[in-house]
Amino acid sequence: MDRVARQSVHPLIKPASTADYARESFWDDLTMYLEADVRPGLRDVYERDVRPKLVEELGREPERAEIAAAMRKQEDNRWWYLLRTQSQRQGIEVSREVVEKQLPELMAQAKARGNGPGSLSLDPDLAIPDYIRGDIHLQRDGYFAASDIADDITAGAVYDRGITLGRMGTQGWLNDDVGLSLAAWMKERFPNFRPKRILELGCTVGHTVVGFKQTYPEAEVHAIDLSAGLLRYAFARSAALGVEIHYHQQNAERTRFDGGSFDLVFSRILMHETSADAMPRIFAECHRLLGEGGVMFHSDAPQYDMLDPYAQSLRDWDATANKEPYMNGYYSMNLEDAFEQAGFDRATMFRAQPPSLRLKNADAEVRRSRVRGGLYFLAGAVRT
């Protein structure tokens, strides 16, 4: 797809000026280069220059934190951290500048979708947990920046624009590959499963949940998030796409839905953003929300028990430089123990790595991307 055309994939992403888009493209290209071309070679640096010294010093193979600490002192890796952090911060800032210039037009587009399809329910009194505040992903004020603009959608517009352009269509130009791929796996894994009500936890702007509604069109589909700015945008976006989703501003630790009222409850890249105290409460809430035979799953990056120590250490940049401090706790968890403590039967639990549907027919640009091997990890259980 042409670089200009991809700025118009739906009515809430508008073309930027040539100068602004050139700046966005620079940071996007730099990020792709650092992730796809530079970082894989750092393993050779580790094996050649760092690992032998660590083994000699420790008298054993090093662990994740020891590798990360040693690599932070290695010059090539220090440069990678510096450039990758700068590309992340500047890419978001340029997209924010574009959105702020376009905001009146974007707000008008959002208002025009006020009648749906779907619905939006916000709670101005909802308490926002401390663990989700701050400059997560190096975005200023995360997704909760104070605003005096009524019905502000800036947070969602910045997120959608940054993901769409930054990933260069690697997850589809509507960023729906994850949702479609996970839903396709669900249909294959549970061929007789006919969910009547589906809920996504931590939906951001609805990229994933739209794919589930398209895969299960007869289902009533709901999605929750903590950020009003994300949800306003998510509702307008899915309405512009003609997809009926019901969005709610609620906390996944304790929702206001009735017990046993859903057949499928899931999340995508949510759990590593939550705290050690929140995680078990979310799993327990999933158990409460599901009816008998209902399915829960959480899709995230693979757990540490599936990776070698060097691969584990690569998440140090995310946890430290990219301000995602809770990820080490989540990826270190024994998920099956946590699910069992939440009330799920261990015999019903599963792990899987569904393949990317997009990657099967991908061009070179997509294959070069950050779609890690074309697989999406998930773990879950069935409510008995």
Protein backbone atom coordinates (compact mmCIF):
# COMPACT_ATOMS: atom_id res chain seq x y z
CA MET A 1 0.00 0.00 0.00
CA ASP A 2 1.25 3.50 -0.86
CA ARG A 3 2.62 5.41 2.14
CA VAL A 4 0.16 8.27 1.69
CA ALA A 5 -2.83 5.99 1.08
CA ARG A 6 -2.18 4.10 4.29
CA GLN A 7 -2.94 7.29 6.22
CA SER A 8 -6.59 6.97 5.12
CA VAL A 9 -7.45 3.41 6.11
CA HIS A 10 -10.57 4.63 7.92
CA PRO A 11 -12.20 8.04 8.57
CA LEU A 12 -10.38 8.69 11.86
CA ILE A 13 -6.89 8.49 10.38
CA LYS A 14 -6.23 11.48 8.13
CA PRO A 15 -3.27 12.28 5.87
CA ALA A 16 -0.65 14.54 7.43
CA SER A 17 1.33 17.23 5.70
CA THR A 18 4.27 16.03 3.64
CA ALA A 19 6.73 17.37 6.20
CA ASP A 20 4.96 15.77 9.18
CA TYR A 21 4.57 12.47 7.45
CA ALA A 22 8.24 12.46 6.48
CA ARG A 23 9.10 12.87 10.17
CA GLU A 24 6.75 10.05 11.16
CA SER A 25 8.21 7.81 8.47
CA PHE A 26 11.75 8.51 9.62
CA TRP A 27 11.08 7.36 13.17
CA ASP A 28 8.99 4.40 11.96
CA ASP A 29 11.75 3.28 9.60
CA LEU A 30 14.40 3.72 12.29
CA THR A 31 12.37 1.62 14.72
CA MET A 32 11.89 -1.12 12.12
CA TYR A 33 15.59 -1.09 11.30
CA LEU A 34 16.60 -1.31 14.96
CA GLU A 35 14.16 -4.14 15.69
CA ALA A 36 14.45 -6.21 12.51
CA ASP A 37 18.03 -5.62 11.36
CA VAL A 38 20.15 -4.54 14.33
CA ARG A 39 18.81 -6.30 17.40
CA PRO A 40 19.10 -9.89 16.12
CA GLY A 41 22.84 -9.36 15.66
CA LEU A 42 23.28 -8.42 19.32
CA ARG A 43 22.91 -12.09 20.23
CA ASP A 44 26.19 -12.73 18.39
CA VAL A 45 27.80 -9.94 20.41
CA TYR A 46 26.51 -11.58 23.59
CA GLU A 47 27.73 -15.06 22.68
CA ARG A 48 31.14 -13.81 21.56
CA ASP A 49 32.01 -11.06 24.03
CA VAL A 50 29.69 -11.16 27.03
CA ARG A 51 28.64 -14.72 27.81
CA PRO A 52 32.17 -16.20 28.16
CA LYS A 53 33.08 -13.55 30.74
CA LEU A 54 29.86 -14.09 32.67
CA VAL A 55 30.29 -17.86 32.74
CA GLU A 56 33.86 -17.48 33.98
CA GLU A 57 32.84 -14.94 36.62
CA LEU A 58 29.75 -16.81 37.85
CA GLY A 59 30.94 -20.38 37.39
CA ARG A 60 27.62 -21.21 35.69
CA GLU A 61 25.33 -20.10 32.90
CA PRO A 62 23.97 -16.59 33.56
CA GLU A 63 20.33 -15.82 34.25
CA ARG A 64 18.07 -13.23 32.65
CA ALA A 65 18.81 -10.30 34.96
CA GLU A 66 22.55 -10.98 34.91
CA ILE A 67 22.58 -11.00 31.11
CA ALA A 68 20.58 -7.78 30.93
CA ALA A 69 22.89 -6.02 33.40
CA ALA A 70 26.00 -7.09 31.50
CA MET A 71 24.54 -6.15 28.11
CA ARG A 72 23.65 -2.68 29.39
CA LYS A 73 27.40 -2.13 29.77
CA GLN A 74 28.19 -3.38 26.26
CA GLU A 75 28.71 -0.49 23.85
CA ASP A 76 26.74 -1.86 20.87
CA ASN A 77 23.78 -2.63 23.08
CA ARG A 78 24.00 0.73 24.85
CA TRP A 79 23.69 2.44 21.47
CA TRP A 80 20.71 0.23 20.64
CA TYR A 81 18.97 1.20 23.91
CA LEU A 82 19.64 4.89 23.27
CA LEU A 83 18.40 4.88 19.67
CA ARG A 84 15.44 2.62 20.33
CA THR A 85 14.29 4.78 23.24
CA GLN A 86 14.61 7.91 21.16
CA SER A 87 12.72 6.40 18.23
CA GLN A 88 9.90 5.31 20.53
CA ARG A 89 9.56 8.69 22.20
CA GLN A 90 9.91 10.79 19.07
CA GLY A 91 7.61 8.61 16.98
CA ILE A 92 4.81 9.09 19.52
CA GLU A 93 5.47 12.80 19.79
CA VAL A 94 5.29 13.35 16.02
CA SER A 95 2.02 11.41 15.81
CA ARG A 96 0.69 13.48 18.71
CA GLU A 97 1.58 16.70 16.87
CA VAL A 98 -0.26 15.47 13.77
CA VAL A 99 -3.32 14.50 15.80
CA GLU A 100 -3.41 17.83 17.63
CA LYS A 101 -3.39 19.69 14.30
CA GLN A 102 -6.21 17.50 12.99
CA LEU A 103 -8.19 17.25 16.21
CA PRO A 104 -11.20 19.42 15.25
CA GLU A 105 -11.75 17.32 12.12
CA LEU A 106 -11.20 14.07 14.00
CA MET A 107 -13.61 15.14 16.74
CA ALA A 108 -16.22 15.93 14.09
CA GLN A 109 -15.75 12.48 12.57
CA ALA A 110 -16.15 10.90 16.02
CA LYS A 111 -19.28 12.93 16.79
CA ALA A 112 -20.80 11.87 13.47
CA ARG A 113 -20.56 8.24 14.63
CA GLY A 114 -22.37 8.94 17.90
CA ASN A 115 -25.35 6.77 16.97
CA GLY A 116 -23.21 3.71 16.43
CA PRO A 117 -23.62 0.88 15.61
CA GLY A 118 -22.65 -0.15 19.11
CA SER A 119 -22.65 1.91 22.27
CA LEU A 120 -20.40 3.76 24.69
CA SER A 121 -20.75 3.93 28.47
CA LEU A 122 -18.31 6.09 30.45
CA ASP A 123 -17.84 6.46 34.20
CA PRO A 124 -16.26 9.80 35.17
CA ASP A 125 -16.02 8.62 38.79
CA LEU A 126 -14.07 5.46 38.01
CA ALA A 127 -10.89 5.25 40.10
CA ILE A 128 -7.82 4.80 37.90
CA PRO A 129 -5.26 2.40 39.46
CA ASP A 130 -1.81 3.83 40.12
CA TYR A 131 -0.15 1.02 38.19
CA ILE A 132 -1.57 2.20 34.89
CA ARG A 133 -0.63 5.85 35.34
CA GLY A 134 2.62 7.47 34.22
CA ASP A 135 4.46 7.64 30.91
CA ILE A 136 3.80 4.04 29.86
CA HIS A 137 5.45 3.26 26.52
CA LEU A 138 7.13 6.68 26.80
CA GLN A 139 3.85 8.38 25.96
CA ARG A 140 3.45 11.58 27.95
CA ASP A 141 0.99 10.93 30.78
CA GLY A 142 0.28 7.52 29.31
CA TYR A 143 -3.36 7.24 28.25
CA PHE A 144 -4.73 9.54 30.94
CA ALA A 145 -3.42 12.97 30.02
CA ALA A 146 -5.47 15.75 31.59
CA SER A 147 -7.61 17.55 29.05
CA ASP A 148 -10.06 20.45 29.10
CA ILE A 149 -11.49 19.35 25.74
CA ALA A 150 -14.99 17.91 26.06
CA ASP A 151 -15.21 14.37 24.69
CA ASP A 152 -11.47 14.35 23.94
CA ILE A 153 -10.26 11.46 21.74
CA THR A 154 -6.59 12.45 21.58
CA ALA A 155 -5.30 9.40 23.47
CA GLY A 156 -7.04 6.99 21.11
CA ALA A 157 -6.14 8.91 17.97
CA VAL A 158 -2.45 9.02 18.88
CA TYR A 159 -2.43 5.32 19.73
CA ASP A 160 -4.20 4.25 16.54
CA ARG A 161 -2.13 6.44 14.26
CA GLY A 162 1.14 5.36 15.87
CA ILE A 163 0.33 1.64 15.72
CA THR A 164 -1.05 1.78 12.18
CA LEU A 165 1.86 3.66 10.66
CA GLY A 166 4.60 2.34 12.96
CA ARG A 167 3.83 -1.29 12.22
CA MET A 168 3.58 -0.59 8.49
CA GLY A 169 0.56 -2.80 8.01
CA THR A 170 2.23 -5.86 9.49
CA GLN A 171 -0.93 -6.65 11.47
CA GLY A 172 -3.24 -5.57 8.69
CA TRP A 173 -3.98 -1.94 7.87
CA LEU A 174 -6.81 -2.08 10.39
CA ASN A 175 -4.54 -3.80 12.92
CA ASP A 176 -7.02 -6.64 12.99
CA ASP A 177 -4.67 -9.56 12.31
CA VAL A 178 -4.39 -10.43 16.00
CA GLY A 179 -8.14 -10.52 16.52
CA LEU A 180 -8.85 -12.44 13.34
CA SER A 181 -5.99 -14.88 13.98
CA LEU A 182 -6.97 -15.55 17.60
CA ALA A 183 -10.63 -15.93 16.69
CA ALA A 184 -9.73 -18.33 13.87
CA TRP A 185 -7.76 -20.40 16.36
CA MET A 186 -10.73 -20.39 18.75
CA LYS A 187 -13.01 -21.78 16.03
CA GLU A 188 -10.52 -24.52 15.26
CA ARG A 189 -9.75 -25.38 18.91
CA PHE A 190 -13.41 -25.23 20.00
CA PRO A 191 -15.38 -26.13 16.84
CA ASN A 192 -18.72 -26.43 18.65
CA PHE A 193 -18.28 -23.21 20.61
CA ARG A 194 -21.01 -20.68 19.82
CA PRO A 195 -20.50 -17.71 22.14
CA LYS A 196 -23.53 -15.51 22.69
CA ARG A 197 -21.67 -12.83 24.67
CA ILE A 198 -17.98 -11.92 24.37
CA LEU A 199 -15.91 -9.53 26.48
CA GLU A 200 -12.45 -8.11 25.88
CA LEU A 201 -10.55 -6.71 28.85
CA GLY A 202 -8.25 -3.74 28.18
CA CYS A 203 -9.41 -3.10 24.61
CA THR A 204 -7.52 0.19 23.96
CA VAL A 205 -9.02 1.32 20.62
CA GLY A 206 -10.71 -1.95 19.64
CA HIS A 207 -8.17 -3.38 17.20
CA THR A 208 -8.57 -6.95 18.48
CA VAL A 209 -12.23 -7.06 19.50
CA VAL A 210 -13.42 -6.00 16.04
CA GLY A 211 -11.93 -9.20 14.61
CA PHE A 212 -13.89 -11.26 17.13
CA LYS A 213 -17.17 -9.58 16.20
CA GLN A 214 -16.45 -10.25 12.54
CA THR A 215 -15.65 -13.89 13.27
CA TYR A 216 -18.64 -14.40 15.60
CA PRO A 217 -21.19 -11.99 14.03
CA GLU A 218 -24.13 -13.40 15.99
CA ALA A 219 -22.47 -12.69 19.35
CA GLU A 220 -23.14 -9.62 21.48
CA VAL A 221 -19.66 -8.17 21.93
CA HIS A 222 -18.48 -5.93 24.76
CA ALA A 223 -15.12 -4.35 25.54
CA ILE A 224 -13.76 -2.46 28.53
CA ASP A 225 -10.86 -0.16 29.25
CA LEU A 226 -9.91 2.36 31.93
CA SER A 227 -9.25 5.30 29.61
CA ALA A 228 -12.18 7.43 28.45
CA GLY A 229 -10.03 8.91 25.68
CA LEU A 230 -9.30 5.48 24.27
CA LEU A 231 -12.89 4.34 24.54
CA ARG A 232 -14.42 7.39 22.84
CA TYR A 233 -12.09 6.83 19.94
CA ALA A 234 -12.66 3.04 19.93
CA PHE A 235 -16.42 3.50 19.70
CA ALA A 236 -16.14 6.02 16.86
CA ARG A 237 -13.62 3.84 15.04
CA SER A 238 -15.65 0.63 15.15
CA ALA A 239 -18.82 2.57 14.28
CA ALA A 240 -17.03 4.03 11.26
CA LEU A 241 -16.17 0.47 10.24
CA GLY A 242 -19.81 -0.56 10.68
CA VAL A 243 -19.00 -3.00 13.50
CA GLU A 244 -21.28 -3.19 16.55
CA ILE A 245 -19.24 -3.21 19.76
CA HIS A 246 -20.45 -2.08 23.21
CA TYR A 247 -17.68 -0.18 25.02
CA HIS A 248 -17.59 0.42 28.78
CA GLN A 249 -15.23 2.32 31.07
CA GLN A 250 -14.64 -0.33 33.72
CA ASN A 251 -11.82 -1.92 35.70
CA ALA A 252 -11.01 -5.54 34.77
CA GLU A 253 -10.26 -6.30 38.43
CA ARG A 254 -13.92 -5.76 39.34
CA THR A 255 -16.40 -5.18 36.55
CA ARG A 256 -20.06 -4.32 36.94
CA PHE A 257 -21.32 -7.18 34.74
CA ASP A 258 -23.39 -9.98 36.23
CA GLY A 259 -21.69 -13.23 37.15
CA GLY A 260 -21.91 -15.97 34.55
CA SER A 261 -22.98 -13.48 31.87
CA PHE A 262 -20.26 -14.19 29.26
CA ASP A 263 -19.22 -17.16 27.17
CA LEU A 264 -15.78 -15.78 26.23
CA VAL A 265 -13.58 -13.37 28.18
CA PHE A 266 -10.14 -12.51 26.85
CA SER A 267 -7.36 -9.94 26.80
CA ARG A 268 -4.57 -9.05 24.42
CA ILE A 269 -1.29 -7.47 25.65
CA LEU A 270 -3.01 -6.36 28.85
CA MET A 271 -1.69 -8.51 31.67
CA HIS A 272 1.93 -7.37 31.59
CA GLU A 273 0.73 -3.80 32.18
CA THR A 274 -0.95 -4.71 35.47
CA SER A 275 0.47 -5.12 38.95
CA ALA A 276 1.16 -8.27 40.96
CA ASP A 277 -1.87 -7.47 43.11
CA ALA A 278 -4.15 -6.87 40.13
CA MET A 279 -3.31 -10.01 38.15
CA PRO A 280 -4.98 -12.58 40.45
CA ARG A 281 -8.02 -10.35 40.85
CA ILE A 282 -8.42 -10.17 37.06
CA PHE A 283 -8.17 -13.95 36.72
CA ALA A 284 -10.76 -14.38 39.50
CA GLU A 285 -13.05 -11.85 37.80
CA CYS A 286 -12.79 -13.83 34.56
CA HIS A 287 -13.92 -16.92 36.46
CA ARG A 288 -16.86 -15.02 37.95
CA LEU A 289 -17.95 -13.58 34.62
CA LEU A 290 -17.98 -16.86 32.71
CA GLY A 291 -20.87 -19.25 32.57
CA GLU A 292 -20.34 -23.01 32.62
CA GLY A 293 -18.35 -24.04 29.56
CA GLY A 294 -17.17 -20.47 29.01
CA VAL A 295 -13.61 -19.81 27.86
CA MET A 296 -10.99 -17.42 29.22
CA PHE A 297 -7.69 -16.64 27.56
CA HIS A 298 -4.99 -14.00 27.80
CA SER A 299 -2.76 -13.34 24.81
CA ASP A 300 0.60 -11.73 25.48
CA ALA A 301 4.24 -12.35 24.74
CA PRO A 302 5.41 -15.88 25.66
CA GLN A 303 6.16 -16.61 29.31
CA TYR A 304 9.78 -16.78 30.40
CA ASP A 305 9.52 -20.53 30.90
CA MET A 306 9.25 -20.82 27.10
CA LEU A 307 12.39 -18.79 26.33
CA ASP A 308 16.13 -19.18 26.81
CA PRO A 309 17.80 -16.73 29.24
CA TYR A 310 19.14 -14.44 26.51
CA ALA A 311 15.69 -14.14 24.88
CA GLN A 312 14.24 -13.39 28.31
CA SER A 313 16.80 -10.62 28.83
CA LEU A 314 15.62 -8.79 25.70
CA ARG A 315 12.57 -7.55 27.59
CA ASP A 316 14.82 -5.48 29.83
CA TRP A 317 14.47 -2.53 27.46
CA ASP A 318 10.67 -2.70 27.66
CA ALA A 319 10.65 -3.03 31.43
CA THR A 320 13.17 -0.27 32.10
CA ALA A 321 13.52 2.18 29.19
CA ASN A 322 9.97 1.81 27.86
CA LYS A 323 8.43 2.11 31.34
CA GLU A 324 6.61 -1.21 31.59
CA PRO A 325 7.79 -2.20 35.07
CA TYR A 326 5.31 -5.02 35.71
CA MET A 327 6.18 -7.22 32.76
CA ASN A 328 8.90 -9.20 34.51
CA GLY A 329 6.44 -10.17 37.22
CA TYR A 330 3.82 -11.35 34.77
CA TYR A 331 6.16 -13.24 32.46
CA SER A 332 7.73 -14.98 35.45
CA MET A 333 4.36 -16.24 36.74
CA ASN A 334 3.27 -19.83 36.65
CA LEU A 335 0.04 -19.10 34.81
CA GLU A 336 -1.48 -22.48 35.48
CA ASP A 337 -1.05 -22.04 39.24
CA ALA A 338 -2.59 -18.56 39.00
CA PHE A 339 -5.56 -19.81 36.98
CA GLU A 340 -6.14 -22.62 39.47
CA GLN A 341 -6.09 -20.17 42.37
CA ALA A 342 -8.73 -18.15 40.53
CA GLY A 343 -11.04 -21.19 40.46
CA PHE A 344 -10.28 -22.84 37.10
CA ASP A 345 -9.75 -26.59 36.80
CA ARG A 346 -6.16 -27.37 35.78
CA ALA A 347 -7.40 -30.13 33.46
CA THR A 348 -9.12 -27.52 31.26
CA MET A 349 -6.10 -25.22 30.86
CA PHE A 350 -4.26 -24.66 27.61
CA ARG A 351 -1.39 -22.79 26.03
CA ALA A 352 -1.12 -22.15 22.30
CA GLN A 353 0.63 -20.03 19.70
CA PRO A 354 -1.90 -19.36 16.94
CA PRO A 355 -0.33 -18.37 13.60
CA SER A 356 -0.77 -14.97 12.03
CA LEU A 357 -3.26 -15.13 9.18
CA ARG A 358 -1.69 -12.02 7.71
CA LEU A 359 1.79 -13.49 7.58
CA LYS A 360 0.71 -16.46 5.46
CA ASN A 361 0.36 -14.23 2.40
CA ALA A 362 2.73 -11.46 3.42
CA ASP A 363 5.03 -9.38 1.30
CA ALA A 364 8.69 -8.75 2.19
CA GLU A 365 7.90 -5.66 4.25
CA VAL A 366 5.57 -7.61 6.51
CA ARG A 367 7.95 -10.56 6.87
CA ARG A 368 10.71 -8.15 7.89
CA SER A 369 8.54 -6.72 10.64
CA ARG A 370 8.20 -7.29 14.35
CA VAL A 371 5.64 -10.08 13.96
CA ARG A 372 7.71 -12.51 16.03
CA GLY A 373 7.76 -15.62 13.89
CA GLY A 374 4.14 -15.01 12.97
CA LEU A 375 2.77 -16.50 16.20
CA TYR A 376 0.56 -15.04 18.94
CA PHE A 377 0.97 -16.69 22.34
CA LEU A 378 -2.03 -17.24 24.59
CA ALA A 379 -2.91 -19.13 27.75
CA GLY A 380 -6.34 -19.88 29.17
CA ALA A 381 -8.85 -22.26 30.66
CA VAL A 382 -12.47 -23.38 30.44
CA ARG A 383 -14.95 -22.65 33.23
CA THR A 384 -16.42 -25.87 34.61
